[in-house]
N, C-alpha and C. Protein backbone atom coordinates (compact mmCIF):
# COMPACT_ATOMS: atom_id res chain seq x y z
N MET A 1 111.92 100.72 147.09
CA MET A 1 111.24 100.35 148.34
C MET A 1 111.37 98.84 148.57
N ASN A 2 111.66 98.47 149.80
CA ASN A 2 111.83 97.06 150.13
C ASN A 2 110.54 96.28 149.90
N GLN A 3 110.68 95.06 149.41
CA GLN A 3 109.53 94.21 149.11
C GLN A 3 108.67 93.98 150.34
N TYR A 4 109.29 93.94 151.51
CA TYR A 4 108.53 93.73 152.74
C TYR A 4 107.48 94.82 152.93
N LEU A 5 107.84 96.07 152.65
CA LEU A 5 106.89 97.17 152.78
C LEU A 5 105.75 97.03 151.77
N ILE A 6 106.09 96.59 150.57
CA ILE A 6 105.06 96.39 149.55
C ILE A 6 104.10 95.29 149.98
N ASP A 7 104.65 94.20 150.50
CA ASP A 7 103.84 93.04 150.89
C ASP A 7 102.95 93.33 152.11
N THR A 8 103.40 94.22 153.00
CA THR A 8 102.64 94.48 154.24
C THR A 8 101.87 95.80 154.21
N LYS A 9 101.87 96.48 153.07
CA LYS A 9 101.23 97.79 153.00
C LYS A 9 99.75 97.72 153.36
N PHE A 10 99.04 96.77 152.80
CA PHE A 10 97.60 96.70 153.06
C PHE A 10 97.32 96.51 154.55
N ALA A 11 98.06 95.58 155.17
CA ALA A 11 97.85 95.31 156.60
C ALA A 11 98.19 96.53 157.44
N ALA A 12 99.34 97.15 157.18
CA ALA A 12 99.76 98.30 157.98
C ALA A 12 98.82 99.48 157.80
N LYS A 13 98.44 99.76 156.56
CA LYS A 13 97.54 100.88 156.31
C LYS A 13 96.17 100.63 156.94
N SER A 14 95.68 99.41 156.84
CA SER A 14 94.38 99.08 157.44
C SER A 14 94.42 99.27 158.95
N LEU A 15 95.52 98.86 159.57
CA LEU A 15 95.66 99.03 161.02
C LEU A 15 95.65 100.51 161.39
N ILE A 16 96.41 101.32 160.67
CA ILE A 16 96.48 102.75 160.96
C ILE A 16 95.11 103.40 160.79
N ASP A 17 94.42 103.07 159.71
CA ASP A 17 93.08 103.62 159.48
C ASP A 17 92.11 103.20 160.58
N THR A 18 92.19 101.94 160.99
CA THR A 18 91.28 101.44 162.03
C THR A 18 91.58 102.05 163.38
N ILE A 19 92.86 102.22 163.69
CA ILE A 19 93.25 102.85 164.95
C ILE A 19 92.61 104.23 165.07
N HIS A 20 92.66 104.99 163.99
CA HIS A 20 92.15 106.36 164.07
C HIS A 20 90.63 106.42 163.95
N HIS A 21 90.04 105.41 163.37
CA HIS A 21 88.58 105.29 163.42
C HIS A 21 88.15 105.02 164.86
N GLU A 22 88.86 104.12 165.54
CA GLU A 22 88.58 103.83 166.94
C GLU A 22 88.82 105.06 167.81
N GLU A 23 89.85 105.83 167.47
CA GLU A 23 90.16 107.04 168.23
C GLU A 23 89.01 108.05 168.14
N ASN A 24 88.43 108.20 166.96
CA ASN A 24 87.29 109.11 166.80
C ASN A 24 86.11 108.65 167.62
N GLN A 25 85.87 107.33 167.61
CA GLN A 25 84.77 106.80 168.42
C GLN A 25 85.04 106.99 169.90
N LEU A 26 86.30 106.81 170.31
CA LEU A 26 86.65 107.02 171.71
C LEU A 26 86.40 108.46 172.12
N SER A 27 86.74 109.40 171.25
CA SER A 27 86.52 110.81 171.54
C SER A 27 85.03 111.10 171.73
N GLU A 28 84.19 110.51 170.87
CA GLU A 28 82.75 110.69 171.00
C GLU A 28 82.22 110.11 172.30
N LEU A 29 82.68 108.91 172.65
CA LEU A 29 82.25 108.27 173.90
C LEU A 29 82.69 109.09 175.11
N THR A 30 83.91 109.62 175.06
CA THR A 30 84.42 110.42 176.18
C THR A 30 83.62 111.70 176.35
N ASN A 31 83.25 112.33 175.24
CA ASN A 31 82.42 113.55 175.30
C ASN A 31 81.05 113.23 175.90
N GLN A 32 80.47 112.12 175.46
CA GLN A 32 79.17 111.72 176.00
C GLN A 32 79.27 111.47 177.50
N PHE A 33 80.33 110.79 177.91
CA PHE A 33 80.53 110.49 179.33
C PHE A 33 80.68 111.77 180.14
N ASP A 34 81.51 112.70 179.66
CA ASP A 34 81.76 113.94 180.40
C ASP A 34 80.47 114.76 180.56
N LYS A 35 79.69 114.85 179.49
CA LYS A 35 78.43 115.61 179.55
C LYS A 35 77.45 114.98 180.53
N LEU A 36 77.30 113.66 180.43
CA LEU A 36 76.35 112.97 181.30
C LEU A 36 76.81 113.03 182.76
N LYS A 37 78.12 112.94 182.98
CA LYS A 37 78.62 112.97 184.36
C LYS A 37 78.35 114.33 185.01
N LYS A 38 78.48 115.40 184.24
CA LYS A 38 78.18 116.73 184.79
C LYS A 38 76.71 116.81 185.22
N VAL A 39 75.82 116.29 184.38
CA VAL A 39 74.39 116.28 184.71
C VAL A 39 74.16 115.43 185.95
N PHE A 40 74.73 114.22 185.96
CA PHE A 40 74.53 113.31 187.08
C PHE A 40 75.06 113.91 188.38
N ASP A 41 76.29 114.45 188.33
CA ASP A 41 76.89 115.02 189.55
C ASP A 41 76.05 116.16 190.11
N HIS A 42 75.51 116.99 189.22
CA HIS A 42 74.67 118.11 189.66
C HIS A 42 73.38 117.59 190.32
N LEU A 43 72.73 116.65 189.65
CA LEU A 43 71.48 116.11 190.19
C LEU A 43 71.74 115.35 191.49
N PHE A 44 72.82 114.57 191.52
CA PHE A 44 73.10 113.78 192.71
C PHE A 44 73.44 114.69 193.89
N TRP A 45 74.11 115.81 193.61
CA TRP A 45 74.41 116.75 194.68
C TRP A 45 73.11 117.33 195.25
N ASP A 46 72.19 117.71 194.37
CA ASP A 46 70.89 118.21 194.83
C ASP A 46 70.18 117.17 195.68
N TYR A 47 70.27 115.92 195.23
CA TYR A 47 69.58 114.82 195.91
C TYR A 47 70.22 114.52 197.27
N SER A 48 71.55 114.44 197.28
CA SER A 48 72.23 114.00 198.49
C SER A 48 72.34 115.09 199.54
N THR A 49 72.17 116.35 199.15
CA THR A 49 72.28 117.44 200.12
C THR A 49 70.91 118.01 200.50
N ALA A 50 69.86 117.27 200.17
CA ALA A 50 68.51 117.74 200.55
C ALA A 50 68.46 118.00 202.05
N ASP A 51 67.89 119.11 202.40
CA ASP A 51 67.93 119.59 203.79
C ASP A 51 67.02 118.78 204.70
N ILE A 52 67.64 118.15 205.71
CA ILE A 52 66.86 117.46 206.75
C ILE A 52 67.33 118.00 208.10
N HIS A 53 66.47 118.72 208.76
CA HIS A 53 66.85 119.35 210.02
C HIS A 53 66.83 118.33 211.16
N GLU A 54 67.72 118.58 212.14
CA GLU A 54 67.77 117.70 213.30
C GLU A 54 66.47 117.74 214.11
N ASP A 55 65.75 118.87 214.03
CA ASP A 55 64.52 118.98 214.83
C ASP A 55 63.28 118.51 214.08
N PHE A 56 63.49 117.90 212.88
CA PHE A 56 62.35 117.30 212.18
C PHE A 56 61.83 116.13 213.01
N ASN A 57 60.50 116.00 213.05
CA ASN A 57 59.93 114.82 213.68
C ASN A 57 59.92 113.67 212.67
N ASP A 58 59.50 112.50 213.12
CA ASP A 58 59.56 111.30 212.27
C ASP A 58 58.76 111.48 210.99
N LEU A 59 57.58 112.12 211.08
CA LEU A 59 56.74 112.30 209.89
C LEU A 59 57.41 113.24 208.89
N GLN A 60 58.04 114.28 209.41
CA GLN A 60 58.72 115.23 208.51
C GLN A 60 59.92 114.57 207.82
N VAL A 61 60.65 113.76 208.58
CA VAL A 61 61.79 113.05 208.00
C VAL A 61 61.33 112.08 206.92
N GLN A 62 60.24 111.35 207.24
CA GLN A 62 59.71 110.39 206.27
C GLN A 62 59.24 111.10 205.01
N HIS A 63 58.59 112.26 205.19
CA HIS A 63 58.11 113.03 204.04
C HIS A 63 59.29 113.52 203.19
N LYS A 64 60.36 113.96 203.90
CA LYS A 64 61.53 114.46 203.17
C LYS A 64 62.18 113.35 202.35
N TYR A 65 62.31 112.17 202.94
CA TYR A 65 62.89 111.04 202.20
C TYR A 65 62.02 110.63 201.04
N THR A 66 60.71 110.74 201.20
CA THR A 66 59.80 110.43 200.10
C THR A 66 60.01 111.41 198.95
N GLN A 67 60.18 112.70 199.30
CA GLN A 67 60.45 113.72 198.28
C GLN A 67 61.78 113.44 197.57
N MET A 68 62.78 113.06 198.34
CA MET A 68 64.08 112.77 197.76
C MET A 68 64.01 111.57 196.81
N ALA A 69 63.29 110.54 197.21
CA ALA A 69 63.13 109.36 196.36
C ALA A 69 62.40 109.72 195.07
N LYS A 70 61.40 110.60 195.20
CA LYS A 70 60.66 111.03 194.00
C LYS A 70 61.57 111.84 193.08
N PHE A 71 62.40 112.69 193.68
CA PHE A 71 63.35 113.47 192.90
C PHE A 71 64.28 112.54 192.12
N ALA A 72 64.79 111.51 192.80
CA ALA A 72 65.69 110.55 192.15
C ALA A 72 65.00 109.83 191.01
N GLU A 73 63.74 109.46 191.23
CA GLU A 73 62.99 108.75 190.19
C GLU A 73 62.66 109.68 189.02
N ASP A 74 62.20 110.88 189.34
CA ASP A 74 61.83 111.84 188.28
C ASP A 74 63.03 112.19 187.40
N ASN A 75 64.21 112.25 188.00
CA ASN A 75 65.41 112.62 187.26
C ASN A 75 66.21 111.39 186.80
N ASP A 76 65.64 110.22 187.03
CA ASP A 76 66.23 108.95 186.57
C ASP A 76 67.70 108.84 186.96
N LEU A 77 67.99 109.09 188.25
CA LEU A 77 69.37 108.99 188.70
C LEU A 77 69.92 107.57 188.53
N LYS A 78 69.09 106.57 188.78
CA LYS A 78 69.53 105.18 188.63
C LYS A 78 69.88 104.88 187.17
N GLY A 79 69.01 105.36 186.26
CA GLY A 79 69.26 105.13 184.84
C GLY A 79 70.50 105.85 184.35
N LYS A 80 70.69 107.09 184.84
CA LYS A 80 71.86 107.86 184.44
C LYS A 80 73.15 107.21 184.96
N LYS A 81 73.09 106.67 186.18
CA LYS A 81 74.26 105.97 186.73
C LYS A 81 74.58 104.73 185.90
N ALA A 82 73.55 104.00 185.51
CA ALA A 82 73.76 102.79 184.68
C ALA A 82 74.36 103.18 183.32
N GLU A 83 73.89 104.30 182.77
CA GLU A 83 74.42 104.76 181.48
C GLU A 83 75.87 105.19 181.62
N LEU A 84 76.20 105.86 182.72
CA LEU A 84 77.59 106.24 182.97
C LEU A 84 78.49 105.01 183.06
N ASP A 85 78.03 104.00 183.79
CA ASP A 85 78.81 102.77 183.94
C ASP A 85 79.02 102.09 182.59
N SER A 86 77.98 102.09 181.76
CA SER A 86 78.07 101.48 180.44
C SER A 86 79.06 102.24 179.55
N LEU A 87 79.01 103.56 179.59
CA LEU A 87 79.95 104.37 178.81
C LEU A 87 81.39 104.16 179.27
N ALA A 88 81.57 104.04 180.59
CA ALA A 88 82.92 103.82 181.12
C ALA A 88 83.49 102.49 180.61
N LYS A 89 82.64 101.46 180.55
CA LYS A 89 83.09 100.16 180.05
C LYS A 89 83.41 100.24 178.56
N SER A 90 82.60 100.99 177.81
CA SER A 90 82.85 101.14 176.37
C SER A 90 84.16 101.88 176.11
N ILE A 91 84.42 102.90 176.93
CA ILE A 91 85.67 103.66 176.80
C ILE A 91 86.87 102.76 177.06
N LEU A 92 86.79 101.94 178.10
CA LEU A 92 87.88 101.02 178.42
C LEU A 92 88.09 100.01 177.29
N ALA A 93 86.99 99.51 176.73
CA ALA A 93 87.08 98.54 175.63
C ALA A 93 87.73 99.18 174.40
N LYS A 94 87.39 100.44 174.11
CA LYS A 94 87.99 101.14 172.98
C LYS A 94 89.49 101.33 173.18
N LYS A 95 89.89 101.68 174.39
CA LYS A 95 91.31 101.86 174.69
C LYS A 95 92.07 100.55 174.52
N ASP A 96 91.47 99.46 174.99
CA ASP A 96 92.10 98.15 174.83
C ASP A 96 92.22 97.79 173.35
N SER A 97 91.17 98.09 172.59
CA SER A 97 91.18 97.80 171.16
C SER A 97 92.28 98.59 170.46
N MET A 98 92.40 99.87 170.77
CA MET A 98 93.42 100.71 170.14
C MET A 98 94.83 100.25 170.49
N ASN A 99 95.02 99.79 171.73
CA ASN A 99 96.33 99.27 172.11
C ASN A 99 96.66 97.98 171.38
N SER A 100 95.66 97.12 171.20
CA SER A 100 95.87 95.87 170.48
C SER A 100 96.21 96.13 169.02
N LEU A 101 95.50 97.05 168.40
CA LEU A 101 95.78 97.40 167.01
C LEU A 101 97.16 98.03 166.87
N SER A 102 97.51 98.89 167.82
CA SER A 102 98.82 99.55 167.80
C SER A 102 99.94 98.52 168.01
N MET A 103 99.70 97.56 168.88
CA MET A 103 100.67 96.49 169.10
C MET A 103 100.90 95.71 167.80
N SER A 104 99.84 95.45 167.05
CA SER A 104 99.97 94.72 165.79
C SER A 104 100.80 95.51 164.78
N LEU A 105 100.61 96.83 164.75
CA LEU A 105 101.39 97.67 163.84
C LEU A 105 102.87 97.67 164.24
N LEU A 106 103.15 97.74 165.52
CA LEU A 106 104.53 97.67 165.99
C LEU A 106 105.16 96.32 165.66
N GLN A 107 104.35 95.26 165.72
CA GLN A 107 104.85 93.94 165.38
C GLN A 107 105.24 93.86 163.91
N ILE A 108 104.43 94.45 163.03
CA ILE A 108 104.76 94.46 161.60
C ILE A 108 106.05 95.24 161.36
N ALA A 109 106.20 96.38 162.04
CA ALA A 109 107.40 97.19 161.88
C ALA A 109 108.63 96.46 162.41
N LYS A 110 108.50 95.85 163.58
CA LYS A 110 109.62 95.11 164.16
C LYS A 110 109.99 93.93 163.29
N GLN A 111 108.99 93.24 162.75
CA GLN A 111 109.27 92.10 161.90
C GLN A 111 109.99 92.51 160.62
N GLY A 112 109.70 93.73 160.16
CA GLY A 112 110.42 94.25 159.00
C GLY A 112 111.90 94.38 159.28
N ILE A 113 112.22 94.90 160.47
CA ILE A 113 113.62 95.01 160.87
C ILE A 113 114.27 93.63 160.95
N SER A 114 113.56 92.68 161.56
CA SER A 114 114.09 91.33 161.71
C SER A 114 114.28 90.65 160.36
N THR A 115 113.30 90.83 159.47
CA THR A 115 113.35 90.17 158.16
C THR A 115 114.52 90.68 157.32
N VAL A 116 114.74 91.98 157.34
CA VAL A 116 115.77 92.59 156.50
C VAL A 116 117.16 92.53 157.14
N HIS A 117 117.23 92.78 158.45
CA HIS A 117 118.53 92.94 159.10
C HIS A 117 118.88 91.82 160.07
N GLY A 118 117.92 90.99 160.42
CA GLY A 118 118.18 89.95 161.41
C GLY A 118 118.16 90.51 162.81
N LYS A 119 119.23 91.14 163.22
CA LYS A 119 119.34 91.72 164.57
C LYS A 119 119.21 93.24 164.49
N PRO A 120 118.67 93.86 165.54
CA PRO A 120 118.54 95.33 165.51
C PRO A 120 119.89 96.04 165.39
N SER A 121 120.95 95.39 165.84
CA SER A 121 122.28 96.03 165.76
C SER A 121 122.72 96.21 164.31
N ASN A 122 122.14 95.44 163.39
CA ASN A 122 122.49 95.57 161.97
C ASN A 122 121.66 96.62 161.25
N CYS A 123 120.67 97.17 161.95
CA CYS A 123 119.72 98.10 161.34
C CYS A 123 120.16 99.54 161.56
N PRO A 124 119.97 100.42 160.57
CA PRO A 124 120.24 101.85 160.81
C PRO A 124 119.42 102.37 161.98
N ALA A 125 119.92 103.38 162.64
CA ALA A 125 119.25 103.91 163.84
C ALA A 125 117.93 104.59 163.51
N GLY A 126 117.87 105.23 162.34
CA GLY A 126 116.67 106.02 162.02
C GLY A 126 116.69 107.35 162.74
N ARG A 127 115.61 108.08 162.61
CA ARG A 127 115.56 109.42 163.20
C ARG A 127 115.59 109.37 164.72
N ALA A 128 115.97 110.49 165.29
CA ALA A 128 116.00 110.60 166.75
C ALA A 128 114.58 110.77 167.29
N ILE A 129 114.29 110.04 168.36
CA ILE A 129 113.04 110.20 169.11
C ILE A 129 113.46 110.65 170.50
N GLY A 130 113.61 111.97 170.68
CA GLY A 130 114.22 112.47 171.90
C GLY A 130 115.66 111.98 171.95
N THR A 131 116.03 111.34 173.05
CA THR A 131 117.37 110.77 173.18
C THR A 131 117.42 109.32 172.70
N GLU A 132 116.29 108.82 172.23
CA GLU A 132 116.21 107.47 171.71
C GLU A 132 116.31 107.47 170.19
N THR A 133 116.38 106.27 169.61
CA THR A 133 116.39 106.12 168.15
C THR A 133 115.11 105.46 167.69
N LEU A 134 114.76 105.70 166.45
CA LEU A 134 113.54 105.12 165.88
C LEU A 134 113.52 103.61 166.00
N LYS A 135 114.62 102.97 165.60
CA LYS A 135 114.63 101.50 165.60
C LYS A 135 114.44 100.94 167.01
N ASN A 136 115.05 101.60 168.02
CA ASN A 136 114.94 101.08 169.38
C ASN A 136 113.55 101.31 169.96
N VAL A 137 112.94 102.44 169.63
CA VAL A 137 111.57 102.70 170.10
C VAL A 137 110.61 101.67 169.51
N ILE A 138 110.78 101.35 168.23
CA ILE A 138 109.94 100.32 167.62
C ILE A 138 110.17 98.97 168.29
N TRP A 139 111.44 98.60 168.44
CA TRP A 139 111.79 97.28 168.98
C TRP A 139 111.33 97.13 170.43
N GLN A 140 111.67 98.09 171.25
CA GLN A 140 111.32 98.00 172.68
C GLN A 140 109.84 98.29 172.91
N GLY A 141 109.26 99.17 172.10
CA GLY A 141 107.83 99.43 172.21
C GLY A 141 107.02 98.19 171.89
N ARG A 142 107.46 97.45 170.86
CA ARG A 142 106.81 96.18 170.51
C ARG A 142 106.96 95.19 171.65
N ASN A 143 108.19 95.06 172.20
CA ASN A 143 108.41 94.10 173.28
C ASN A 143 107.57 94.42 174.50
N GLN A 144 107.48 95.71 174.83
CA GLN A 144 106.67 96.11 176.00
C GLN A 144 105.20 95.76 175.79
N SER A 145 104.70 96.04 174.60
CA SER A 145 103.27 95.81 174.36
C SER A 145 102.93 94.33 174.25
N ILE A 146 103.88 93.51 173.79
CA ILE A 146 103.66 92.07 173.69
C ILE A 146 103.61 91.43 175.09
N HIS A 147 104.47 91.92 175.99
CA HIS A 147 104.65 91.26 177.28
C HIS A 147 104.13 92.08 178.46
N TYR A 148 103.34 93.13 178.21
CA TYR A 148 102.95 94.03 179.30
C TYR A 148 102.19 93.34 180.42
N GLU A 149 101.41 92.30 180.08
CA GLU A 149 100.59 91.64 181.11
C GLU A 149 101.45 90.91 182.15
N GLU A 150 102.68 90.58 181.77
CA GLU A 150 103.57 89.91 182.71
C GLU A 150 104.05 90.88 183.80
N GLY A 151 104.04 92.17 183.50
CA GLY A 151 104.44 93.18 184.48
C GLY A 151 105.90 93.12 184.86
N ASN A 152 106.74 92.57 183.98
CA ASN A 152 108.16 92.41 184.30
C ASN A 152 109.01 92.68 183.06
N PRO A 153 109.04 93.93 182.60
CA PRO A 153 109.81 94.25 181.38
C PRO A 153 111.31 94.05 181.59
N ASN A 154 112.01 93.68 180.51
CA ASN A 154 113.45 93.49 180.63
C ASN A 154 114.17 94.84 180.68
N LYS A 155 115.47 94.78 180.91
CA LYS A 155 116.24 96.00 181.13
C LYS A 155 116.24 96.92 179.91
N LYS A 156 116.32 96.35 178.70
CA LYS A 156 116.33 97.18 177.50
C LYS A 156 115.02 97.95 177.34
N VAL A 157 113.92 97.28 177.67
CA VAL A 157 112.61 97.96 177.63
C VAL A 157 112.57 99.06 178.68
N LYS A 158 112.99 98.75 179.89
CA LYS A 158 112.99 99.75 180.97
C LYS A 158 113.84 100.96 180.61
N ASP A 159 115.03 100.70 180.08
CA ASP A 159 115.93 101.80 179.74
C ASP A 159 115.33 102.69 178.66
N CYS A 160 114.73 102.06 177.65
CA CYS A 160 114.12 102.83 176.56
C CYS A 160 112.99 103.71 177.08
N PHE A 161 112.12 103.14 177.90
CA PHE A 161 110.97 103.90 178.39
C PHE A 161 111.38 104.93 179.44
N LEU A 162 112.47 104.68 180.14
CA LEU A 162 112.99 105.70 181.06
C LEU A 162 113.42 106.92 180.26
N ASN A 163 114.11 106.70 179.14
CA ASN A 163 114.51 107.81 178.28
C ASN A 163 113.29 108.54 177.72
N LEU A 164 112.28 107.78 177.30
CA LEU A 164 111.07 108.40 176.75
C LEU A 164 110.34 109.20 177.82
N ALA A 165 110.30 108.67 179.04
CA ALA A 165 109.64 109.39 180.14
C ALA A 165 110.38 110.69 180.45
N ASN A 166 111.70 110.63 180.45
CA ASN A 166 112.49 111.84 180.70
C ASN A 166 112.29 112.88 179.60
N ASP A 167 112.16 112.39 178.36
CA ASP A 167 112.04 113.29 177.21
C ASP A 167 110.62 113.79 176.98
N PHE A 168 109.63 112.91 177.23
CA PHE A 168 108.26 113.23 176.80
C PHE A 168 107.20 113.17 177.90
N GLY A 169 107.59 112.81 179.12
CA GLY A 169 106.63 112.89 180.20
C GLY A 169 106.22 111.56 180.81
N ASP A 170 105.42 111.67 181.88
CA ASP A 170 105.07 110.51 182.70
C ASP A 170 104.23 109.46 181.99
N GLU A 171 103.61 109.82 180.87
CA GLU A 171 102.78 108.83 180.19
C GLU A 171 103.62 107.65 179.68
N PHE A 172 104.95 107.81 179.65
CA PHE A 172 105.84 106.72 179.26
C PHE A 172 106.57 106.10 180.45
N ASP A 173 106.19 106.50 181.65
CA ASP A 173 106.84 106.00 182.86
C ASP A 173 106.25 104.63 183.22
N LEU A 174 107.02 103.58 182.97
CA LEU A 174 106.53 102.23 183.25
C LEU A 174 106.38 101.96 184.73
N THR A 175 107.14 102.65 185.57
CA THR A 175 107.11 102.36 187.00
C THR A 175 105.77 102.71 187.64
N ILE A 176 104.98 103.55 186.97
CA ILE A 176 103.65 103.88 187.49
C ILE A 176 102.76 102.66 187.45
N ASP A 177 102.88 101.87 186.38
CA ASP A 177 102.11 100.64 186.24
C ASP A 177 102.78 99.76 185.19
N TYR A 178 103.49 98.75 185.64
CA TYR A 178 104.22 97.88 184.72
C TYR A 178 103.28 97.05 183.83
N THR A 179 102.01 96.98 184.18
CA THR A 179 101.06 96.17 183.40
C THR A 179 100.23 97.03 182.44
N ALA A 180 100.64 98.27 182.21
CA ALA A 180 99.93 99.14 181.27
C ALA A 180 100.54 99.01 179.88
N ASN A 181 99.69 98.72 178.91
CA ASN A 181 100.13 98.60 177.52
C ASN A 181 100.39 100.00 176.95
N LYS A 182 101.60 100.25 176.47
CA LYS A 182 101.99 101.57 175.97
C LYS A 182 101.99 101.66 174.44
N ALA A 183 101.45 100.65 173.76
CA ALA A 183 101.54 100.62 172.30
C ALA A 183 100.92 101.85 171.65
N ARG A 184 99.74 102.25 172.12
CA ARG A 184 99.08 103.41 171.52
C ARG A 184 99.90 104.67 171.74
N LYS A 185 100.51 104.80 172.90
CA LYS A 185 101.35 105.96 173.19
C LYS A 185 102.54 106.02 172.22
N ILE A 186 103.10 104.85 171.93
CA ILE A 186 104.25 104.80 171.02
C ILE A 186 103.83 105.21 169.61
N ILE A 187 102.70 104.71 169.15
CA ILE A 187 102.22 105.07 167.81
C ILE A 187 101.98 106.57 167.71
N ASP A 188 101.41 107.16 168.75
CA ASP A 188 101.21 108.61 168.77
C ASP A 188 102.55 109.35 168.75
N LEU A 189 103.49 108.87 169.55
CA LEU A 189 104.80 109.51 169.64
C LEU A 189 105.50 109.50 168.28
N LEU A 190 105.38 108.39 167.55
CA LEU A 190 106.01 108.28 166.24
C LEU A 190 105.26 109.04 165.16
N ASN A 191 104.08 109.53 165.51
CA ASN A 191 103.24 110.27 164.56
C ASN A 191 102.82 109.41 163.38
N TRP A 192 102.54 108.14 163.68
CA TRP A 192 102.06 107.22 162.65
C TRP A 192 100.54 107.31 162.54
N ASN A 193 100.06 108.52 162.35
CA ASN A 193 98.62 108.74 162.23
C ASN A 193 98.14 108.59 160.79
N VAL A 194 99.07 108.58 159.86
CA VAL A 194 98.76 108.31 158.45
C VAL A 194 99.83 107.36 157.91
N TYR A 195 99.47 106.59 156.90
CA TYR A 195 100.37 105.56 156.42
C TYR A 195 101.68 106.13 155.88
N LYS A 196 101.63 107.28 155.22
CA LYS A 196 102.85 107.83 154.62
C LYS A 196 103.93 108.10 155.66
N ASN A 197 103.53 108.49 156.88
CA ASN A 197 104.51 108.73 157.95
C ASN A 197 105.18 107.41 158.36
N TYR A 198 104.36 106.38 158.50
CA TYR A 198 104.88 105.06 158.83
C TYR A 198 105.83 104.57 157.73
N GLU A 199 105.39 104.69 156.50
CA GLU A 199 106.19 104.21 155.36
C GLU A 199 107.53 104.95 155.29
N HIS A 200 107.51 106.25 155.48
CA HIS A 200 108.74 107.04 155.43
C HIS A 200 109.74 106.56 156.49
N ASP A 201 109.24 106.30 157.70
CA ASP A 201 110.12 105.81 158.76
C ASP A 201 110.67 104.44 158.42
N MET A 202 109.82 103.56 157.91
CA MET A 202 110.26 102.19 157.61
C MET A 202 111.27 102.17 156.46
N ILE A 203 111.09 103.03 155.49
CA ILE A 203 112.06 103.11 154.39
C ILE A 203 113.43 103.52 154.93
N SER A 204 113.43 104.40 155.93
CA SER A 204 114.71 104.83 156.51
C SER A 204 115.42 103.69 157.23
N LEU A 205 114.66 102.68 157.63
CA LEU A 205 115.23 101.57 158.37
C LEU A 205 115.55 100.35 157.49
N ILE A 206 114.67 100.06 156.53
CA ILE A 206 114.85 98.81 155.76
C ILE A 206 114.95 99.04 154.26
N GLY A 207 114.84 100.29 153.83
CA GLY A 207 114.98 100.59 152.41
C GLY A 207 113.70 100.49 151.62
């Protein structure tokens, strides 16, 4: 096994473990959000569709609005909306965290290729990832995730992700949003959910 893999094992394994810890938390937050949204949508529909007839007089209309306001207060619609907003922000933060961690793992893998081979052209291709190669997915996936905020990927990145989109679906289509970080998608695609999978791939590339 190449010394680079030995030297970076702790960092790479820690990143993989943390990514999937964050993934479990994201799943829990998403479930909480979905359950609460169903409750909120049902209550809000009851509230917003409360029957007010055109022939109601002013007192009847006022009474109806008072009942609706009481319904909203009794069912804490304002509180539930605030909780939904908070969960949505937490979900977004978790996704950003997972992308950042995934980007760091891709950086370690790419640096391994650079350290051992210098240029990607000197590196073995590795296993096939659809019509792409392992080394190119790592290299271009890292480049995309490092520079995604610029929204202007280079041609090699575009070509790689076009192939991935054709092979694996729209989640790899950069043209939908050039400023979307795809690092987490790449880690999932490579099946680097446990360290041994990552290590096996890296050994195929750098020994």
